[in-house]
Amino acid sequence: MVWQAVREGRAWWFAALGVLALGLYGFAASFQPDAQFGRILAAYGGIFVAGSLAWGMALDGYRPDRFDVIGAAVCLVGVGVIMYAPR
């Protein structure tokens, strides 16, 4: 949303909504029951990659190529390894 406001001339309040969304995203990890913040942040990072591609497809008309899809899949597999590996 910030990108669209700055680069594509959307309204200032659109950027403000983007800043708010990013701020809320920053708090999301702190509400997780696991005390391993680094692990949680890494998992959110992988989900963020895939979510960014989905956002681009849904709202920006972006069509990912096969390398985008493969990269997002690798990130999501990494999330699975981080979150569900036996410890």
C-alpha atoms as a PDB file:
ATOM      1  CA  MET A   1       0.000   0.000   0.000  1.00  0.00           C
ATOM      2  CA  VAL A   2       2.873   2.341   0.760  1.00  0.00           C
ATOM      3  CA  TRP A   3       4.431   1.437  -2.581  1.00  0.00           C
ATOM      4  CA  GLN A   4       1.205   2.171  -4.421  1.00  0.00           C
ATOM      5  CA  ALA A   5       0.771   5.517  -2.683  1.00  0.00           C
ATOM      6  CA  VAL A   6       4.325   6.662  -3.319  1.00  0.00           C
ATOM      7  CA  ARG A   7       5.033   5.135  -6.717  1.00  0.00           C
ATOM      8  CA  GLU A   8       1.595   5.052  -8.275  1.00  0.00           C
ATOM      9  CA  GLY A   9       0.064   8.246  -6.936  1.00  0.00           C
ATOM     10  CA  ARG A  10      -2.562   6.747  -4.633  1.00  0.00           C
ATOM     11  CA  ALA A  11      -4.018   8.890  -1.836  1.00  0.00           C
ATOM     12  CA  TRP A  12      -1.970   9.715   1.283  1.00  0.00           C
ATOM     13  CA  TRP A  13      -4.396   7.755   3.451  1.00  0.00           C
ATOM     14  CA  PHE A  14      -3.593   4.657   1.400  1.00  0.00           C
ATOM     15  CA  ALA A  15       0.028   5.009   2.511  1.00  0.00           C
ATOM     16  CA  ALA A  16      -1.160   5.553   6.087  1.00  0.00           C
ATOM     17  CA  LEU A  17      -3.100   2.294   5.941  1.00  0.00           C
ATOM     18  CA  GLY A  18       0.032   0.559   4.678  1.00  0.00           C
ATOM     19  CA  VAL A  19       2.085   1.970   7.542  1.00  0.00           C
ATOM     20  CA  LEU A  20      -0.582   0.802   9.995  1.00  0.00           C
ATOM     21  CA  ALA A  21      -0.612  -2.687   8.462  1.00  0.00           C
ATOM     22  CA  LEU A  22       3.179  -2.926   8.674  1.00  0.00           C
ATOM     23  CA  GLY A  23       3.067  -1.744  12.280  1.00  0.00           C
ATOM     24  CA  LEU A  24       0.478  -4.366  13.194  1.00  0.00           C
ATOM     25  CA  TYR A  25       2.564  -6.989  11.441  1.00  0.00           C
ATOM     26  CA  GLY A  26       5.460  -5.990  13.680  1.00  0.00           C
ATOM     27  CA  PHE A  27       3.399  -6.761  16.783  1.00  0.00           C
ATOM     28  CA  ALA A  28       2.031 -10.084  15.540  1.00  0.00           C
ATOM     29  CA  ALA A  29       5.070 -12.134  16.529  1.00  0.00           C
ATOM     30  CA  SER A  30       4.998 -10.845  20.094  1.00  0.00           C
ATOM     31  CA  PHE A  31       1.633 -12.516  20.689  1.00  0.00           C
ATOM     32  CA  GLN A  32       2.874 -16.003  19.825  1.00  0.00           C
ATOM     33  CA  PRO A  33       3.100 -18.490  22.694  1.00  0.00           C
ATOM     34  CA  ASP A  34       6.599 -19.684  21.725  1.00  0.00           C
ATOM     35  CA  ALA A  35       9.420 -17.742  23.356  1.00  0.00           C
ATOM     36  CA  GLN A  36      11.769 -18.367  20.420  1.00  0.00           C
ATOM     37  CA  PHE A  37      11.326 -14.995  18.704  1.00  0.00           C
ATOM     38  CA  GLY A  38      13.962 -15.651  16.033  1.00  0.00           C
ATOM     39  CA  ARG A  39      12.234 -18.840  14.971  1.00  0.00           C
ATOM     40  CA  ILE A  40       8.845 -17.137  14.815  1.00  0.00           C
ATOM     41  CA  LEU A  41      10.241 -14.190  12.882  1.00  0.00           C
ATOM     42  CA  ALA A  42      11.892 -16.524  10.364  1.00  0.00           C
ATOM     43  CA  ALA A  43       8.602 -18.350   9.855  1.00  0.00           C
ATOM     44  CA  TYR A  44       6.742 -15.064   9.373  1.00  0.00           C
ATOM     45  CA  GLY A  45       9.379 -14.085   6.833  1.00  0.00           C
ATOM     46  CA  GLY A  46       8.614 -17.128   4.709  1.00  0.00           C
ATOM     47  CA  ILE A  47       4.894 -16.471   4.905  1.00  0.00           C
ATOM     48  CA  PHE A  48       5.517 -12.814   4.073  1.00  0.00           C
ATOM     49  CA  VAL A  49       7.284 -13.810   0.834  1.00  0.00           C
ATOM     50  CA  ALA A  50       4.380 -15.966  -0.332  1.00  0.00           C
ATOM     51  CA  GLY A  51       1.835 -13.425   0.893  1.00  0.00           C
ATOM     52  CA  SER A  52       3.558 -10.640  -0.995  1.00  0.00           C
ATOM     53  CA  LEU A  53       3.262 -12.570  -4.228  1.00  0.00           C
ATOM     54  CA  ALA A  54      -0.394 -13.305  -3.510  1.00  0.00           C
ATOM     55  CA  TRP A  55      -1.017  -9.627  -2.741  1.00  0.00           C
ATOM     56  CA  GLY A  56       0.632  -8.622  -5.989  1.00  0.00           C
ATOM     57  CA  MET A  57      -1.517 -11.083  -7.911  1.00  0.00           C
ATOM     58  CA  ALA A  58      -4.772 -10.084  -6.229  1.00  0.00           C
ATOM     59  CA  LEU A  59      -4.376  -6.317  -6.082  1.00  0.00           C
ATOM     60  CA  ASP A  60      -1.675  -5.274  -8.533  1.00  0.00           C
ATOM     61  CA  GLY A  61      -2.320  -7.593 -11.457  1.00  0.00           C
ATOM     62  CA  TYR A  62       1.170  -9.095 -11.070  1.00  0.00           C
ATOM     63  CA  ARG A  63       1.688 -12.521 -12.599  1.00  0.00           C
ATOM     64  CA  PRO A  64       4.568 -14.406 -11.003  1.00  0.00           C
ATOM     65  CA  ASP A  65       6.838 -16.481 -13.197  1.00  0.00           C
ATOM     66  CA  ARG A  66       7.875 -20.001 -12.334  1.00  0.00           C
ATOM     67  CA  PHE A  67      10.912 -18.810 -10.381  1.00  0.00           C
ATOM     68  CA  ASP A  68       8.722 -16.596  -8.192  1.00  0.00           C
ATOM     69  CA  VAL A  69       6.478 -19.571  -7.471  1.00  0.00           C
ATOM     70  CA  ILE A  70       9.426 -21.907  -6.840  1.00  0.00           C
ATOM     71  CA  GLY A  71      11.044 -19.358  -4.525  1.00  0.00           C
ATOM     72  CA  ALA A  72       7.841 -18.877  -2.550  1.00  0.00           C
ATOM     73  CA  ALA A  73       7.416 -22.649  -2.290  1.00  0.00           C
ATOM     74  CA  VAL A  74      10.982 -23.001  -0.987  1.00  0.00           C
ATOM     75  CA  CYS A  75      10.220 -20.331   1.612  1.00  0.00           C
ATOM     76  CA  LEU A  76       7.062 -22.128   2.718  1.00  0.00           C
ATOM     77  CA  VAL A  77       8.908 -25.447   2.954  1.00  0.00           C
ATOM     78  CA  GLY A  78      11.467 -23.625   5.085  1.00  0.00           C
ATOM     79  CA  VAL A  79       8.670 -22.374   7.331  1.00  0.00           C
ATOM     80  CA  GLY A  80       7.513 -25.954   7.748  1.00  0.00           C
ATOM     81  CA  VAL A  81      11.019 -27.119   8.656  1.00  0.00           C
ATOM     82  CA  ILE A  82      11.465 -24.278  11.152  1.00  0.00           C
ATOM     83  CA  MET A  83       8.098 -24.688  12.828  1.00  0.00           C
ATOM     84  CA  TYR A  84       7.534 -28.455  12.761  1.00  0.00           C
ATOM     85  CA  ALA A  85      10.971 -30.068  13.008  1.00  0.00           C
ATOM     86  CA  PRO A  86      11.162 -32.370  16.019  1.00  0.00           C
ATOM     87  CA  ARG A  87      13.156 -30.803  18.817  1.00  0.00           C
END
